[in-house]
Amino acid sequence: MDVITSFLKKGILLSPEIIKNPFFLEKLSQLEGEDLEAGLIIDKDFLKKKGLLLDDEDGKEKESVVKRKEETGQINDVKVLFSYKKEPKKITVNDFVAYFNRRFEALSSILRQRQELPGVTSINRLRSMRDKEKVVFIGMVFDKTITKNNNIILTLEDPSGKINVFISDKKKELFETAKDIVFDEVIGVEGVVSKNFVFVNQIFIPDVPLVKELKKSQEEVYVTLIGDPHFGSNAFLKKEFGDFIEWINQRKGSQEQREIASKVKYLIIIGDLVEGVGVYPGQEKDLEVKDIKEQYDLFAEYLKKIPSNITIIICPGNHDAGRISEPQPPLFHKYTESLQKLPNVLLLSNPSFINIGATEDFPGFDFLLYHGYSLIYYADNVGSIRSQGGQKRADLIMRFLLQRRHLAPTHTSNLYMPDTEYDPLVINKIPDFFITGHIHRVSVNNYKNITLINCSCWTDITEDMEKRGLQPQPARVPLINLKTREVKIINFSK
């Protein structure tokens, strides 16, 4: 009873109902070291606010939550708007053709909503038009060439055919736009016909409309974001992640930081939960835990220490077990049974789309979650991003993808499964928050009232990261205040 004595000496009283509970000592010990005021009465309600349910009611709560997860695929006020669950099948060349046709239809539909693109013409009709006749059409980028005179020629295609378009370097703003165009993205063009060419006057990308509302909640609650913990790696930052667990339990940090921790309602983990096995050549030397199931079990043990009143939303990354081609399905398999049993954990696909915090009179916030495999490709291959920092500017990459309304518009920028019904990587619905990871650096910015956040990691630099050009900023945690939309960052590496 030493724990009880220490609390009584501080003038803190214990409710008789919790003293009689056989599990209360375990929960009470978790409050040791906290700055609690004399005269405070610790009862069931107080413990519940701290996320420390006694096991009898914890069991009832877990049973109820698990049932809701099984029946609805959601927990509390987290509504799943999209999580990919289709079973894999044999892929043929025709599947890729159908996939790109579905993508073209989706992005073409978005472009047609722009008032600058009235009366769009199919490409096969352009060749029959008179010279110098004004044309407006939509095409997917098949090829891109820079001429010896430093002009740009694009080959654009739609289901009806192909045509070459010419962008002069004398049109400076247009030329700068064209320099950043990548293969397979879908664009709108306004120009004039000249024989087998179109001379371009304007280029239009799908982009995000300007009318997106900057929503704010009436309640001050926080969303905590972490990415790429890489459990099982010998470079895993055990102490720093332990400090994070202590903070989220309100046992570590300044008074302000503990106050924020008390208001955390959601934790989003954006992939690469574990280091994985066989992800890259020679990975064995980087592993502390060499069994993939044991890596997930270790991760689950840490998640159990997070207060049960916090909803944990998880999507996979390319180091996780299972299919690495996108969209990656949720982590429902034999290796992740320990995660599946956690009642406050929601396992989603990569990418996925959720809504949180909706009430009868508030629509809630839409979150687009994407681990971010394609980010490195665009950091390296888009000139304006590369010249401004490349991988260090995740915000510019995320803005680029939003403007293209696609998470990986270029065929070689990611591994993907061609869905013949629709393209799951098209950004149809505009989010309030766009969350990514993968490049191990924290970044926060805003684009047309969409908050862009790339998450940090929990591993020191490895030889593999150096080869890929990653320069990690580990152990930094972005915290979103849903009432103000302000994003704070706590650095646990200090």
Protein backbone atom coordinates (compact mmCIF):
# COMPACT_ATOMS: atom_id res chain seq x y z
CA MET A 1 0.00 0.00 0.00
CA ASP A 2 3.02 2.33 -0.38
CA VAL A 3 1.35 3.99 -3.37
CA ILE A 4 -1.76 4.84 -1.32
CA THR A 5 0.40 6.21 1.50
CA SER A 6 2.33 8.48 -0.83
CA PHE A 7 -0.90 9.97 -2.20
CA LEU A 8 -2.39 10.47 1.26
CA LYS A 9 0.77 12.28 2.41
CA LYS A 10 0.23 14.74 -0.46
CA GLY A 11 -3.32 15.41 0.77
CA ILE A 12 -4.88 13.53 -2.16
CA LEU A 13 -7.95 11.47 -1.25
CA LEU A 14 -9.04 8.17 -2.76
CA SER A 15 -12.67 7.27 -3.38
CA PRO A 16 -13.80 4.11 -1.45
CA GLU A 17 -15.25 2.65 -4.67
CA ILE A 18 -11.84 2.49 -6.34
CA ILE A 19 -10.02 1.22 -3.21
CA LYS A 20 -12.34 -1.80 -3.27
CA ASN A 21 -11.54 -2.48 -6.92
CA PRO A 22 -8.85 -5.20 -7.28
CA PHE A 23 -7.23 -3.41 -10.23
CA PHE A 24 -6.97 0.11 -8.84
CA LEU A 25 -3.38 -0.12 -7.53
CA GLU A 26 -2.06 -0.76 -11.04
CA LYS A 27 -3.89 2.30 -12.38
CA LEU A 28 -2.99 4.46 -9.38
CA SER A 29 0.72 3.75 -9.81
CA GLN A 30 0.50 5.31 -13.30
CA LEU A 31 -0.39 8.65 -11.69
CA GLU A 32 2.74 8.76 -9.54
CA GLY A 33 4.97 11.68 -10.39
CA GLU A 34 2.12 13.83 -11.69
CA ASP A 35 1.66 17.34 -10.31
CA LEU A 36 -1.67 16.76 -8.52
CA GLU A 37 -3.20 19.36 -6.18
CA ALA A 38 -3.81 18.66 -2.50
CA GLY A 39 -7.49 18.08 -1.74
CA LEU A 40 -8.07 16.26 -5.02
CA ILE A 41 -10.35 13.21 -4.84
CA ILE A 42 -9.38 10.38 -7.18
CA ASP A 43 -12.46 8.45 -8.24
CA LYS A 44 -13.64 6.48 -11.29
CA ASP A 45 -14.53 9.64 -13.22
CA PHE A 46 -11.09 11.15 -12.63
CA LEU A 47 -9.35 7.97 -13.77
CA LYS A 48 -11.55 7.83 -16.86
CA LYS A 49 -10.57 11.39 -17.84
CA LYS A 50 -6.95 10.26 -17.62
CA GLY A 51 -7.71 7.29 -19.87
CA LEU A 52 -7.15 4.85 -16.97
CA LEU A 53 -10.25 2.65 -16.97
CA LEU A 54 -10.44 0.03 -14.22
CA ASP A 55 -10.35 -3.44 -15.71
CA ASP A 56 -13.97 -4.34 -14.95
CA GLU A 57 -15.33 -1.35 -16.88
CA ASP A 58 -12.36 -1.52 -19.27
CA GLY A 59 -13.55 -4.96 -20.31
CA LYS A 60 -17.08 -3.71 -20.93
CA GLU A 61 -15.76 -0.74 -22.90
CA LYS A 62 -13.47 -2.97 -25.00
CA GLU A 63 -16.30 -5.40 -25.75
CA SER A 64 -18.52 -2.52 -26.85
CA VAL A 65 -15.82 -0.89 -29.00
CA VAL A 66 -14.80 -4.16 -30.67
CA LYS A 67 -18.43 -4.80 -31.54
CA ARG A 68 -18.75 -1.31 -33.08
CA LYS A 69 -15.53 -1.86 -35.06
CA GLU A 70 -16.80 -5.15 -36.47
CA GLU A 71 -20.25 -3.83 -37.34
CA THR A 72 -19.42 -0.37 -38.70
CA GLY A 73 -15.69 -0.27 -39.44
CA GLN A 74 -15.34 2.83 -37.27
CA ILE A 75 -14.68 3.89 -33.69
CA ASN A 76 -16.34 6.69 -31.75
CA ASP A 77 -16.70 9.72 -34.07
CA VAL A 78 -14.10 8.56 -36.62
CA LYS A 79 -16.00 7.80 -39.81
CA VAL A 80 -14.23 5.89 -42.57
CA LEU A 81 -15.02 7.49 -45.93
CA PHE A 82 -12.59 5.34 -47.92
CA SER A 83 -10.46 2.31 -47.07
CA TYR A 84 -9.51 -0.05 -49.88
CA LYS A 85 -10.34 -3.70 -49.23
CA LYS A 86 -10.60 -5.36 -52.64
CA GLU A 87 -9.05 -8.82 -52.91
CA PRO A 88 -6.08 -9.13 -55.31
CA LYS A 89 -6.58 -10.86 -58.64
CA LYS A 90 -4.56 -11.84 -61.68
CA ILE A 91 -3.52 -8.72 -63.61
CA THR A 92 -3.48 -8.45 -67.41
CA VAL A 93 -2.39 -5.75 -69.85
CA ASN A 94 -6.05 -4.88 -70.40
CA ASP A 95 -6.37 -4.09 -66.69
CA PHE A 96 -3.71 -1.37 -67.02
CA VAL A 97 -5.49 0.07 -70.07
CA ALA A 98 -8.82 0.13 -68.22
CA TYR A 99 -7.14 1.65 -65.14
CA PHE A 100 -5.64 4.56 -67.08
CA ASN A 101 -8.95 5.11 -68.88
CA ARG A 102 -10.77 5.33 -65.52
CA ARG A 103 -8.12 7.78 -64.28
CA PHE A 104 -8.46 9.93 -67.40
CA GLU A 105 -12.24 10.00 -67.01
CA ALA A 106 -12.00 11.05 -63.35
CA LEU A 107 -9.45 13.83 -63.86
CA SER A 108 -11.06 14.98 -67.11
CA SER A 109 -14.33 15.34 -65.22
CA ILE A 110 -12.61 17.55 -62.63
CA LEU A 111 -11.03 19.70 -65.36
CA ARG A 112 -14.34 20.12 -67.20
CA GLN A 113 -15.71 21.89 -64.13
CA ARG A 114 -13.30 24.76 -64.75
CA GLN A 115 -14.94 27.72 -66.43
CA GLU A 116 -11.79 28.27 -68.53
CA LEU A 117 -12.43 24.98 -70.36
CA PRO A 118 -15.76 25.33 -72.17
CA GLY A 119 -16.56 23.18 -75.18
CA VAL A 120 -13.75 20.65 -74.78
CA THR A 121 -12.87 18.90 -78.07
CA SER A 122 -11.62 15.32 -78.43
CA ILE A 123 -8.09 15.01 -79.85
CA ASN A 124 -9.10 13.11 -83.01
CA ARG A 125 -11.15 16.12 -84.14
CA LEU A 126 -8.24 18.58 -83.84
CA ARG A 127 -6.58 17.44 -87.07
CA SER A 128 -9.66 18.35 -89.10
CA MET A 129 -9.76 21.93 -87.81
CA ARG A 130 -8.55 24.95 -89.76
CA ASP A 131 -5.11 26.48 -89.19
CA LYS A 132 -5.03 29.10 -86.41
CA GLU A 133 -8.41 27.96 -85.13
CA LYS A 134 -8.70 28.21 -81.34
CA VAL A 135 -9.08 24.85 -79.58
CA VAL A 136 -9.67 23.61 -76.02
CA PHE A 137 -9.00 19.97 -75.14
CA ILE A 138 -7.87 17.63 -72.35
CA GLY A 139 -5.07 15.09 -72.60
CA MET A 140 -2.82 12.77 -70.62
CA VAL A 141 0.91 13.40 -70.98
CA PHE A 142 2.39 10.58 -73.09
CA ASP A 143 5.76 12.17 -73.81
CA LYS A 144 7.77 15.32 -73.08
CA THR A 145 10.72 16.69 -75.07
CA ILE A 146 12.88 19.79 -74.67
CA THR A 147 14.10 20.94 -78.09
CA LYS A 148 17.60 22.22 -78.92
CA ASN A 149 16.09 25.73 -78.91
CA ASN A 150 14.83 25.15 -75.33
CA ASN A 151 11.15 24.90 -76.23
CA ILE A 152 8.93 22.11 -74.88
CA ILE A 153 6.93 19.65 -76.94
CA LEU A 154 4.34 17.50 -75.17
CA THR A 155 2.59 14.52 -76.71
CA LEU A 156 -0.92 14.39 -75.27
CA GLU A 157 -3.44 11.60 -75.65
CA ASP A 158 -7.06 10.87 -74.90
CA PRO A 159 -9.12 7.76 -75.77
CA SER A 160 -9.54 9.10 -79.34
CA GLY A 161 -5.88 9.72 -80.28
CA LYS A 162 -2.62 11.66 -79.76
CA ILE A 163 -1.31 15.10 -80.72
CA ASN A 164 1.87 17.14 -80.18
CA VAL A 165 1.64 20.54 -78.51
CA PHE A 166 4.31 23.26 -78.54
CA ILE A 167 5.22 25.54 -75.60
CA SER A 168 7.55 28.42 -76.44
CA ASP A 169 10.22 29.48 -73.95
CA LYS A 170 9.32 33.08 -74.84
CA LYS A 171 6.09 32.70 -72.85
CA LYS A 172 7.89 32.70 -69.53
CA GLU A 173 5.04 31.89 -67.10
CA LEU A 174 3.61 29.22 -69.39
CA PHE A 175 7.06 27.74 -69.94
CA GLU A 176 7.73 27.52 -66.18
CA THR A 177 4.42 25.68 -65.75
CA ALA A 178 5.30 23.29 -68.57
CA LYS A 179 8.74 22.54 -67.09
CA ASP A 180 7.04 20.95 -64.06
CA ILE A 181 4.64 18.79 -66.08
CA VAL A 182 5.26 15.08 -65.47
CA PHE A 183 4.44 11.97 -67.46
CA ASP A 184 0.87 10.62 -67.21
CA GLU A 185 -0.69 13.64 -65.55
CA VAL A 186 -3.90 14.96 -67.09
CA ILE A 187 -4.02 18.61 -68.20
CA GLY A 188 -6.28 20.99 -70.07
CA VAL A 189 -4.91 23.00 -73.02
CA GLU A 190 -6.08 26.14 -74.81
CA GLY A 191 -4.24 27.02 -78.01
CA VAL A 192 -4.37 27.30 -81.78
CA VAL A 193 -4.06 24.58 -84.39
CA SER A 194 -1.24 24.61 -86.94
CA LYS A 195 -1.08 21.52 -89.15
CA ASN A 196 -0.20 18.60 -86.86
CA PHE A 197 0.62 20.80 -83.84
CA VAL A 198 -1.21 22.89 -81.29
CA PHE A 199 0.59 26.04 -80.18
CA VAL A 200 -0.28 26.40 -76.50
CA ASN A 201 -1.54 29.63 -74.96
CA GLN A 202 -2.68 28.27 -71.59
CA ILE A 203 -2.28 25.09 -69.56
CA PHE A 204 -4.77 24.08 -66.88
CA ILE A 205 -4.25 21.52 -64.14
CA PRO A 206 -7.12 19.98 -62.11
CA ASP A 207 -6.05 21.74 -58.86
CA VAL A 208 -8.14 22.55 -55.82
CA PRO A 209 -10.90 25.20 -55.97
CA LEU A 210 -10.45 28.41 -53.97
CA VAL A 211 -13.73 28.00 -52.09
CA LYS A 212 -12.55 25.45 -49.49
CA GLU A 213 -13.76 26.55 -46.04
CA LEU A 214 -11.23 26.69 -43.19
CA LYS A 215 -13.29 24.70 -40.70
CA LYS A 216 -12.72 25.00 -36.96
CA SER A 217 -14.19 22.96 -34.12
CA GLN A 218 -16.03 24.49 -31.18
CA GLU A 219 -14.27 22.06 -28.86
CA GLU A 220 -10.55 22.28 -28.14
CA VAL A 221 -9.30 18.80 -28.90
CA TYR A 222 -6.02 17.67 -30.46
CA VAL A 223 -4.96 15.26 -33.17
CA THR A 224 -1.48 13.82 -32.64
CA LEU A 225 0.48 12.64 -35.68
CA ILE A 226 3.39 10.23 -35.86
CA GLY A 227 4.93 8.33 -38.75
CA ASP A 228 7.56 5.73 -39.55
CA PRO A 229 8.30 4.31 -36.07
CA HIS A 230 10.11 1.28 -37.63
CA PHE A 231 9.76 -1.04 -34.63
CA GLY A 232 12.31 -3.83 -34.85
CA SER A 233 15.09 -1.65 -36.28
CA ASN A 234 18.33 -1.44 -34.31
CA ALA A 235 18.18 2.31 -35.07
CA PHE A 236 14.76 2.63 -33.35
CA LEU A 237 14.79 5.52 -30.87
CA LYS A 238 13.49 3.63 -27.84
CA LYS A 239 14.08 6.36 -25.27
CA GLU A 240 12.48 9.09 -27.39
CA PHE A 241 9.42 6.96 -28.16
CA GLY A 242 9.17 6.09 -24.48
CA ASP A 243 9.18 9.82 -23.70
CA PHE A 244 6.35 10.26 -26.21
CA ILE A 245 4.34 7.58 -24.39
CA GLU A 246 5.03 9.30 -21.08
CA TRP A 247 3.91 12.65 -22.51
CA ILE A 248 0.66 11.33 -23.97
CA ASN A 249 -0.09 9.91 -20.51
CA GLN A 250 0.47 13.41 -19.07
CA ARG A 251 3.49 12.28 -17.09
CA LYS A 252 6.16 14.22 -18.95
CA GLY A 253 6.63 17.70 -20.42
CA SER A 254 5.89 21.27 -19.40
CA GLN A 255 2.57 22.28 -17.88
CA GLU A 256 1.37 23.48 -21.29
CA GLN A 257 2.46 20.26 -22.97
CA ARG A 258 0.69 18.13 -20.36
CA GLU A 259 -2.42 20.24 -20.78
CA ILE A 260 -2.32 19.52 -24.52
CA ALA A 261 -1.84 15.80 -23.81
CA SER A 262 -5.01 15.83 -21.71
CA LYS A 263 -6.92 17.08 -24.76
CA VAL A 264 -5.59 14.56 -27.28
CA LYS A 265 -8.51 12.62 -28.72
CA TYR A 266 -6.96 11.09 -31.84
CA LEU A 267 -3.58 9.61 -32.78
CA ILE A 268 -2.81 9.03 -36.47
CA ILE A 269 0.12 6.76 -37.38
CA ILE A 270 0.98 7.14 -41.05
CA GLY A 271 2.72 3.87 -41.94
CA ASP A 272 6.01 1.96 -41.66
CA LEU A 273 4.97 0.77 -38.23
CA VAL A 274 7.74 -1.81 -38.25
CA GLU A 275 11.12 -2.13 -39.94
CA GLY A 276 9.92 -5.22 -41.77
CA VAL A 277 11.95 -8.11 -43.13
CA GLY A 278 13.55 -8.34 -46.58
CA VAL A 279 12.53 -4.81 -47.57
CA TYR A 280 15.95 -4.01 -49.05
CA PRO A 281 19.21 -5.94 -49.62
CA GLY A 282 21.30 -6.41 -46.51
CA GLN A 283 18.51 -5.31 -44.15
CA GLU A 284 19.33 -8.12 -41.71
CA LYS A 285 22.20 -6.12 -40.24
CA ASP A 286 19.78 -3.27 -39.42
CA LEU A 287 17.35 -5.48 -37.48
CA GLU A 288 17.17 -5.84 -33.70
CA VAL A 289 13.99 -7.94 -33.98
CA LYS A 290 14.26 -10.31 -36.94
CA ASP A 291 10.75 -11.83 -36.83
CA ILE A 292 8.02 -9.74 -38.47
CA LYS A 293 5.27 -10.88 -36.08
CA GLU A 294 7.45 -10.06 -33.08
CA GLN A 295 7.99 -6.58 -34.52
CA TYR A 296 4.21 -5.99 -34.61
CA ASP A 297 3.78 -7.52 -31.14
CA LEU A 298 6.38 -5.08 -29.80
CA PHE A 299 4.57 -2.19 -31.48
CA ALA A 300 1.25 -3.33 -29.97
CA GLU A 301 2.80 -3.42 -26.48
CA TYR A 302 3.67 0.27 -26.80
CA LEU A 303 0.17 1.11 -28.11
CA LYS A 304 -1.37 -0.57 -25.07
CA LYS A 305 0.30 2.12 -22.94
CA ILE A 306 -1.62 4.88 -24.74
CA PRO A 307 -4.79 6.00 -22.90
CA SER A 308 -7.74 3.96 -24.12
CA ASN A 309 -9.88 7.07 -24.66
CA ILE A 310 -7.61 8.07 -27.56
CA THR A 311 -8.65 6.66 -30.94
CA ILE A 312 -5.63 5.37 -32.87
CA ILE A 313 -5.90 5.41 -36.68
CA ILE A 314 -3.27 3.41 -38.58
CA CYS A 315 -2.43 2.97 -42.24
CA PRO A 316 0.45 0.84 -43.60
CA GLY A 317 3.63 1.85 -45.41
CA ASN A 318 6.07 0.12 -47.72
CA HIS A 319 8.01 -1.48 -44.81
CA ASP A 320 4.88 -3.14 -43.43
CA ALA A 321 3.97 -6.77 -44.02
CA GLY A 322 1.66 -7.49 -46.93
CA ARG A 323 1.24 -6.00 -50.37
CA ILE A 324 3.37 -2.92 -51.00
CA SER A 325 1.64 -1.92 -54.25
CA GLU A 326 -0.84 0.91 -53.73
CA PRO A 327 -3.50 1.03 -52.55
CA GLN A 328 -2.22 -1.10 -49.69
CA PRO A 329 -5.04 -2.90 -47.84
CA PRO A 330 -5.44 -2.60 -44.06
CA LEU A 331 -3.12 -4.70 -41.91
CA PHE A 332 -5.49 -7.59 -41.31
CA HIS A 333 -3.32 -10.71 -41.37
CA LYS A 334 -1.66 -13.27 -39.11
CA TYR A 335 1.28 -10.99 -38.30
CA THR A 336 -0.86 -8.19 -36.86
CA GLU A 337 -3.27 -10.08 -34.60
CA SER A 338 -1.96 -8.17 -31.58
CA LEU A 339 -2.93 -4.87 -33.27
CA GLN A 340 -6.34 -6.13 -34.35
CA LYS A 341 -7.25 -6.97 -30.75
CA LEU A 342 -6.70 -3.40 -29.50
CA PRO A 343 -10.19 -1.87 -29.14
CA ASN A 344 -9.17 1.74 -29.77
CA VAL A 345 -7.19 0.96 -32.95
CA LEU A 346 -8.67 1.44 -36.42
CA LEU A 347 -6.69 -0.22 -39.24
CA LEU A 348 -7.13 1.43 -42.64
CA SER A 349 -5.65 1.18 -46.12
CA ASN A 350 -2.94 3.35 -47.66
CA PRO A 351 -4.29 5.74 -48.86
CA SER A 352 -7.46 6.23 -46.84
CA PHE A 353 -9.94 9.02 -46.15
CA ILE A 354 -11.63 9.64 -42.82
CA ASN A 355 -13.89 12.17 -41.14
CA ILE A 356 -13.48 13.01 -37.45
CA GLY A 357 -15.36 15.17 -34.99
CA ALA A 358 -18.70 15.43 -36.82
CA THR A 359 -21.76 16.40 -34.76
CA GLU A 360 -25.35 17.26 -35.56
CA ASP A 361 -24.40 20.87 -36.28
CA PHE A 362 -20.78 20.46 -37.45
CA PRO A 363 -19.61 18.45 -40.51
CA GLY A 364 -16.33 17.37 -38.93
CA PHE A 365 -12.88 17.36 -40.54
CA ASP A 366 -11.87 15.32 -43.57
CA PHE A 367 -8.39 13.74 -43.44
CA LEU A 368 -6.58 12.29 -46.46
CA LEU A 369 -3.97 9.81 -45.21
CA TYR A 370 -1.16 8.66 -47.51
CA HIS A 371 2.09 7.06 -46.39
CA GLY A 372 3.89 8.84 -49.22
CA TYR A 373 5.88 6.36 -51.30
CA SER A 374 5.67 8.64 -54.36
CA LEU A 375 7.05 11.73 -52.59
CA ILE A 376 10.70 10.98 -53.28
CA TYR A 377 10.05 10.58 -57.02
CA TYR A 378 8.57 14.08 -57.31
CA ALA A 379 11.24 15.59 -55.06
CA ASP A 380 13.81 14.32 -57.56
CA ASN A 381 11.93 14.84 -60.85
CA VAL A 382 10.05 18.15 -60.56
CA GLY A 383 12.46 21.00 -61.23
CA SER A 384 10.81 23.66 -59.07
CA ILE A 385 10.69 21.29 -56.08
CA ARG A 386 14.23 20.01 -56.55
CA SER A 387 15.62 23.57 -56.75
CA GLN A 388 13.89 24.57 -53.51
CA GLY A 389 15.14 21.71 -51.36
CA GLY A 390 13.72 18.50 -52.81
CA GLN A 391 12.99 16.01 -50.04
CA LYS A 392 13.40 18.75 -47.44
CA ARG A 393 10.27 20.44 -48.86
CA ALA A 394 7.55 17.85 -48.35
CA ASP A 395 5.01 20.67 -48.36
CA LEU A 396 5.86 21.54 -51.99
CA ILE A 397 5.52 17.89 -53.02
CA MET A 398 2.16 17.58 -51.27
CA ARG A 399 0.94 20.80 -52.92
CA PHE A 400 2.08 19.43 -56.30
CA LEU A 401 0.02 16.25 -55.78
CA LEU A 402 -3.05 18.20 -54.70
CA GLN A 403 -2.76 20.36 -57.81
CA ARG A 404 -2.64 17.20 -59.95
CA ARG A 405 -5.48 15.71 -57.87
CA HIS A 406 -3.57 12.43 -57.78
CA LEU A 407 -1.24 10.83 -55.23
CA ALA A 408 1.11 9.32 -57.82
CA PRO A 409 0.30 10.58 -61.32
CA THR A 410 3.40 9.15 -63.03
CA HIS A 411 3.49 5.44 -63.89
CA THR A 412 6.94 4.87 -62.35
CA SER A 413 6.49 6.99 -59.22
CA ASN A 414 5.03 4.11 -57.19
CA LEU A 415 4.07 0.47 -57.31
CA TYR A 416 0.33 0.13 -57.86
CA MET A 417 -2.49 -2.32 -58.47
CA PRO A 418 -4.57 -1.31 -61.52
CA ASP A 419 -8.22 -1.26 -60.47
CA THR A 420 -10.40 -1.55 -63.57
CA GLU A 421 -13.42 0.18 -61.97
CA TYR A 422 -11.78 3.37 -60.67
CA ASP A 423 -8.40 4.83 -59.70
CA PRO A 424 -8.17 4.80 -55.88
CA LEU A 425 -5.28 7.30 -55.96
CA VAL A 426 -7.33 10.10 -57.56
CA ILE A 427 -8.10 12.86 -55.03
CA ASN A 428 -11.82 13.22 -55.69
CA LYS A 429 -12.85 14.78 -52.40
CA ILE A 430 -10.94 17.81 -51.11
CA PRO A 431 -9.64 17.18 -47.57
CA ASP A 432 -9.24 19.60 -44.70
CA PHE A 433 -5.98 17.87 -43.77
CA PHE A 434 -3.52 16.02 -46.00
CA ILE A 435 -1.17 13.80 -43.96
CA THR A 436 1.91 11.97 -45.27
CA GLY A 437 5.17 10.40 -44.03
CA HIS A 438 7.85 8.25 -45.66
CA ILE A 439 10.63 10.85 -46.02
CA HIS A 440 11.21 11.07 -42.25
CA ARG A 441 11.01 14.86 -42.00
CA VAL A 442 8.39 17.02 -40.33
CA SER A 443 6.73 19.70 -42.45
CA VAL A 444 3.66 21.90 -41.91
CA ASN A 445 2.08 24.27 -44.40
CA ASN A 446 -1.26 25.40 -45.83
CA TYR A 447 -2.56 25.33 -49.38
CA LYS A 448 -5.95 26.86 -50.16
CA ASN A 449 -7.17 26.15 -46.61
CA ILE A 450 -5.88 22.57 -46.65
CA THR A 451 -3.40 21.87 -43.86
CA LEU A 452 -0.43 19.87 -45.20
CA ILE A 453 1.55 17.85 -42.66
CA ASN A 454 4.37 15.42 -43.31
CA CYS A 455 5.30 13.37 -40.26
CA SER A 456 8.66 12.70 -38.63
CA CYS A 457 10.12 9.26 -37.82
CA TRP A 458 11.41 7.34 -34.79
CA THR A 459 14.65 5.95 -36.14
CA ASP A 460 18.19 7.21 -36.45
CA ILE A 461 19.77 7.37 -39.90
CA THR A 462 20.72 4.05 -41.48
CA GLU A 463 22.94 3.16 -44.43
CA ASP A 464 19.80 2.50 -46.51
CA MET A 465 18.44 5.99 -45.76
CA GLU A 466 21.76 7.55 -46.77
CA LYS A 467 21.63 5.67 -50.09
CA ARG A 468 18.12 7.02 -50.73
CA GLY A 469 19.09 10.58 -49.81
CA LEU A 470 16.91 10.73 -46.68
CA GLN A 471 17.96 13.22 -44.02
CA PRO A 472 15.69 12.38 -41.08
CA GLN A 473 14.36 14.74 -38.41
CA PRO A 474 13.37 12.11 -35.85
CA ALA A 475 11.08 12.23 -32.82
CA ARG A 476 9.11 15.35 -33.72
CA VAL A 477 5.35 15.19 -33.14
CA PRO A 478 2.88 17.56 -34.84
CA LEU A 479 -0.21 18.38 -32.75
CA ILE A 480 -3.30 19.82 -34.43
CA ASN A 481 -5.58 22.03 -32.35
CA LEU A 482 -8.95 21.49 -34.06
CA LYS A 483 -10.40 24.62 -32.46
CA THR A 484 -7.78 27.02 -33.84
CA ARG A 485 -6.25 24.89 -36.65
CA GLU A 486 -2.86 25.78 -35.17
CA VAL A 487 -0.20 23.06 -35.43
CA LYS A 488 2.40 22.78 -32.66
CA ILE A 489 5.43 20.48 -32.79
CA ILE A 490 6.99 18.77 -29.76
CA ASN A 491 10.58 17.63 -30.27
CA PHE A 492 11.28 14.49 -28.21
CA SER A 493 14.85 14.25 -29.48
CA LYS A 494 15.97 17.11 -27.22
